[in-house]
Amino acid sequence: MNISPSKLNTYLMFKLPAAYFTGVRTKHLDDTTCVVSVKHRWVNQNPFKSMFWAVQGMAAELTTGALVMKKIKESGKKISMLVASNNASFTKKATGRITFTCKEGNKIDEAIKQTIETGEGQTVWLNANGVNADGVEVSSFNFEWTLKVKA
């Protein structure tokens, strides 16, 4: 099975309902880039009438994680993936539609290659930036993914 935006969105509905019901949706996925968006609504807002930081985090993590899942699937190997660490910064109130983009598929390729060749776990830091409809960055998330070939 190929991993596609529509299959990821269905996966969210059944496996990650909090992300699905808050409006997180995959819009684009290819070998280097993943785009996920979420619209500010009553169900995902904080008391300050902007998008709750955790909803932004779910969208950002999916942006990087979908790329990792796609690359693992394409490798044909059984490889575990786990977020070991993350950090974020918030620069503007998140209202309207926020679009997260990760363009670092090439970093994942190298980490998967290394873990397959050496059998040792690898880590890769991936970034997802969230921008509003005006193209202004509202948040930036970094996730440290660990990858290891399963025995």
Protein backbone atom coordinates (compact mmCIF):
# COMPACT_ATOMS: atom_id res chain seq x y z
CA MET A 1 0.00 0.00 0.00
CA ASN A 2 1.32 3.42 -0.94
CA ILE A 3 1.07 6.17 1.62
CA SER A 4 -1.01 9.05 0.25
CA PRO A 5 -2.69 12.12 1.73
CA SER A 6 -6.15 10.53 1.58
CA LYS A 7 -4.93 7.32 3.25
CA LEU A 8 -3.20 9.35 5.97
CA ASN A 9 -6.39 11.32 6.61
CA THR A 10 -8.39 8.09 6.94
CA TYR A 11 -5.67 6.72 9.27
CA LEU A 12 -6.10 9.83 11.45
CA MET A 13 -9.82 9.24 11.77
CA PHE A 14 -9.31 5.73 13.16
CA LYS A 15 -5.92 5.88 14.93
CA LEU A 16 -5.49 9.54 15.93
CA PRO A 17 -9.03 10.87 16.38
CA ALA A 18 -7.91 13.95 18.36
CA ALA A 19 -5.96 15.15 15.31
CA TYR A 20 -8.81 14.28 12.95
CA PHE A 21 -11.55 16.02 14.97
CA THR A 22 -9.47 19.17 15.44
CA GLY A 23 -9.16 19.45 11.64
CA VAL A 24 -5.59 18.29 10.94
CA ARG A 25 -5.39 17.16 7.28
CA THR A 26 -2.56 16.05 4.99
CA LYS A 27 -2.62 18.03 1.73
CA HIS A 28 0.52 16.88 -0.10
CA LEU A 29 3.13 14.14 0.23
CA ASP A 30 6.01 13.31 -2.12
CA ASP A 31 9.63 12.13 -1.80
CA THR A 32 10.92 15.34 -0.26
CA THR A 33 7.96 17.32 1.05
CA CYS A 34 4.87 16.92 3.20
CA VAL A 35 2.22 19.60 3.70
CA VAL A 36 -0.40 19.44 6.46
CA SER A 37 -2.96 22.12 7.27
CA VAL A 38 -5.40 22.88 10.04
CA LYS A 39 -7.97 25.65 10.31
CA HIS A 40 -8.55 27.61 13.50
CA ARG A 41 -12.01 26.71 14.80
CA TRP A 42 -13.85 26.73 18.11
CA VAL A 43 -12.90 23.08 18.82
CA ASN A 44 -9.14 23.73 18.55
CA GLN A 45 -8.81 27.17 20.11
CA ASN A 46 -7.30 28.28 23.39
CA PRO A 47 -8.85 30.87 25.77
CA PHE A 48 -7.09 33.65 23.79
CA LYS A 49 -9.07 32.80 20.61
CA SER A 50 -6.12 31.43 18.67
CA MET A 51 -5.16 27.87 17.83
CA PHE A 52 -4.06 25.78 20.80
CA TRP A 53 -0.34 24.99 20.66
CA ALA A 54 -0.96 21.22 20.92
CA VAL A 55 -3.09 21.24 17.75
CA GLN A 56 -0.26 22.99 15.94
CA GLY A 57 2.08 20.35 17.37
CA MET A 58 -0.09 17.49 16.06
CA ALA A 59 -0.08 19.00 12.57
CA ALA A 60 3.66 19.67 12.66
CA GLU A 61 4.49 16.17 13.94
CA LEU A 62 2.32 14.60 11.23
CA THR A 63 4.15 16.68 8.63
CA THR A 64 7.50 15.16 9.62
CA GLY A 65 6.17 11.74 10.64
CA ALA A 66 4.34 11.13 7.36
CA LEU A 67 7.60 11.66 5.49
CA VAL A 68 9.37 9.20 7.81
CA MET A 69 6.57 6.62 7.37
CA LYS A 70 6.70 6.98 3.57
CA LYS A 71 10.47 6.55 3.48
CA ILE A 72 10.38 3.50 5.76
CA LYS A 73 7.68 1.92 3.59
CA GLU A 74 9.74 2.55 0.45
CA SER A 75 12.86 1.00 2.03
CA GLY A 76 11.15 -2.39 2.28
CA LYS A 77 12.73 -2.92 5.72
CA LYS A 78 11.11 -3.13 9.13
CA ILE A 79 12.31 0.02 10.85
CA SER A 80 11.01 1.47 14.10
CA MET A 81 10.41 5.20 14.43
CA LEU A 82 9.94 7.27 17.55
CA VAL A 83 10.10 10.93 18.52
CA ALA A 84 12.93 11.26 21.05
CA SER A 85 12.80 15.02 21.50
CA ASN A 86 11.14 18.14 20.17
CA ASN A 87 11.06 21.88 20.57
CA ALA A 88 8.94 24.69 19.22
CA SER A 89 8.76 28.44 18.96
CA PHE A 90 5.68 30.59 18.42
CA THR A 91 6.00 33.96 16.73
CA LYS A 92 2.46 35.08 15.91
CA LYS A 93 -1.12 34.35 16.97
CA ALA A 94 -2.37 31.34 14.99
CA THR A 95 -5.74 32.14 13.42
CA GLY A 96 -7.28 31.17 10.10
CA ARG A 97 -5.73 28.27 8.14
CA ILE A 98 -2.24 27.29 9.26
CA THR A 99 -0.16 25.24 6.83
CA PHE A 100 2.82 23.20 8.02
CA THR A 101 5.53 22.15 5.58
CA CYS A 102 8.52 19.85 5.95
CA LYS A 103 10.93 19.71 2.98
CA GLU A 104 13.59 17.44 4.48
CA GLY A 105 12.93 14.03 2.94
CA ASN A 106 16.59 13.79 1.90
CA LYS A 107 17.69 13.78 5.56
CA ILE A 108 15.44 10.77 6.20
CA ASP A 109 16.93 8.92 3.23
CA GLU A 110 20.41 9.25 4.73
CA ALA A 111 19.32 8.16 8.21
CA ILE A 112 17.52 5.10 6.84
CA LYS A 113 20.53 4.21 4.70
CA GLN A 114 22.81 4.44 7.74
CA THR A 115 20.60 2.35 10.02
CA ILE A 116 20.27 -0.36 7.35
CA GLU A 117 24.04 -0.42 6.67
CA THR A 118 25.19 -0.35 10.29
CA GLY A 119 22.26 -1.91 12.16
CA GLU A 120 22.61 0.91 14.68
CA GLY A 121 19.91 3.39 15.58
CA GLN A 122 20.05 6.77 13.90
CA THR A 123 18.53 10.13 14.76
CA VAL A 124 17.38 12.83 12.41
CA TRP A 125 16.09 16.30 13.25
CA LEU A 126 13.23 17.45 11.03
CA ASN A 127 11.64 20.90 10.93
CA ALA A 128 8.05 21.88 10.17
CA ASN A 129 7.15 25.55 9.84
CA GLY A 130 3.58 26.75 10.21
CA VAL A 131 2.46 29.75 8.17
CA ASN A 132 -0.87 31.55 8.00
CA ALA A 133 -2.83 32.45 4.85
CA ASP A 134 -0.71 35.60 4.43
CA GLY A 135 2.49 33.50 4.37
CA VAL A 136 3.60 34.76 7.80
CA GLU A 137 5.27 32.16 10.03
CA VAL A 138 3.28 31.56 13.22
CA SER A 139 5.25 28.62 14.64
CA SER A 140 8.24 26.40 14.01
CA PHE A 141 8.59 22.84 15.32
CA ASN A 142 11.63 20.57 15.39
CA PHE A 143 11.33 16.83 15.99
CA GLU A 144 14.19 14.43 16.67
CA TRP A 145 13.15 11.10 15.13
CA THR A 146 14.98 7.90 16.05
CA LEU A 147 15.15 5.14 13.46
CA LYS A 148 16.36 1.58 13.96
CA VAL A 149 16.11 -1.61 11.94
CA LYS A 150 14.00 -4.13 13.83
CA ALA A 151 15.69 -7.44 14.63
